[in-house]
Amino acid sequence: MGVGQHRQSKSRVRKRRAMWKLTAPNHIECPQCHKPTLPHHICPSCGFYKAKEVVSMGE
């Protein structure tokens, strides 16, 4: 088990923790129904992925 030998300053700790921020997921427009969807995922509203119907929505 490691034991720190020297105290780290507040600025050094805060510089390291500055990268811990959350980022919102990117959304793209579905080419079929033009609703926002996550990239590389099946569209939840129309069921298409890469211009092919993967899931039948049963309209």
Protein backbone atom coordinates (compact mmCIF):
# COMPACT_ATOMS: atom_id res chain seq x y z
CA MET A 1 0.00 0.00 0.00
CA GLY A 2 1.47 3.30 -1.07
CA VAL A 3 2.05 6.08 1.41
CA GLY A 4 2.57 9.62 0.16
CA GLN A 5 5.93 11.08 1.15
CA HIS A 6 5.11 14.76 0.57
CA ARG A 7 1.95 16.80 0.73
CA GLN A 8 0.63 17.97 -2.64
CA SER A 9 -0.37 21.59 -2.92
CA LYS A 10 -3.98 22.61 -3.50
CA SER A 11 -3.21 23.96 -6.96
CA ARG A 12 -1.55 20.71 -8.06
CA VAL A 13 -4.52 18.64 -6.87
CA ARG A 14 -7.03 21.01 -8.47
CA LYS A 15 -5.17 20.98 -11.81
CA ARG A 16 -5.43 17.20 -11.89
CA ARG A 17 -9.10 17.19 -10.90
CA ALA A 18 -10.00 19.87 -13.47
CA MET A 19 -10.35 17.09 -16.08
CA TRP A 20 -13.05 15.24 -14.11
CA LYS A 21 -15.87 17.24 -15.69
CA LEU A 22 -18.87 15.58 -17.32
CA THR A 23 -19.69 16.12 -20.96
CA ALA A 24 -23.12 15.85 -22.54
CA PRO A 25 -23.52 13.16 -25.22
CA ASN A 26 -23.52 14.31 -28.83
CA HIS A 27 -26.73 14.02 -30.80
CA ILE A 28 -27.11 13.71 -34.56
CA GLU A 29 -30.15 14.02 -36.77
CA CYS A 30 -31.64 10.75 -37.99
CA PRO A 31 -31.58 10.76 -41.82
CA GLN A 32 -34.97 8.97 -41.97
CA CYS A 33 -37.19 10.76 -39.45
CA HIS A 34 -34.98 13.81 -38.66
CA LYS A 35 -35.22 13.39 -34.89
CA PRO A 36 -32.16 13.63 -32.61
CA THR A 37 -30.47 10.33 -31.82
CA LEU A 38 -27.14 9.12 -30.46
CA PRO A 39 -24.44 8.38 -33.04
CA HIS A 40 -23.82 4.69 -33.86
CA HIS A 41 -27.17 3.68 -32.31
CA ILE A 42 -30.50 2.55 -33.73
CA CYS A 43 -32.95 5.43 -33.96
CA PRO A 44 -35.49 4.90 -31.14
CA SER A 45 -38.33 6.56 -33.06
CA CYS A 46 -38.10 4.88 -36.49
CA GLY A 47 -35.83 1.83 -35.93
CA PHE A 48 -33.39 2.59 -38.77
CA TYR A 49 -29.59 2.30 -38.67
CA LYS A 50 -27.40 3.22 -41.67
CA ALA A 51 -30.45 3.55 -43.98
CA LYS A 52 -31.67 0.03 -43.16
CA GLU A 53 -34.65 -0.90 -41.00
CA VAL A 54 -33.21 -2.91 -38.12
CA VAL A 55 -36.17 -2.89 -35.73
CA SER A 56 -39.77 -2.90 -36.90
CA MET A 57 -41.74 -0.28 -35.01
CA GLY A 58 -45.14 -1.69 -36.08
CA GLU A 59 -47.05 1.37 -37.18
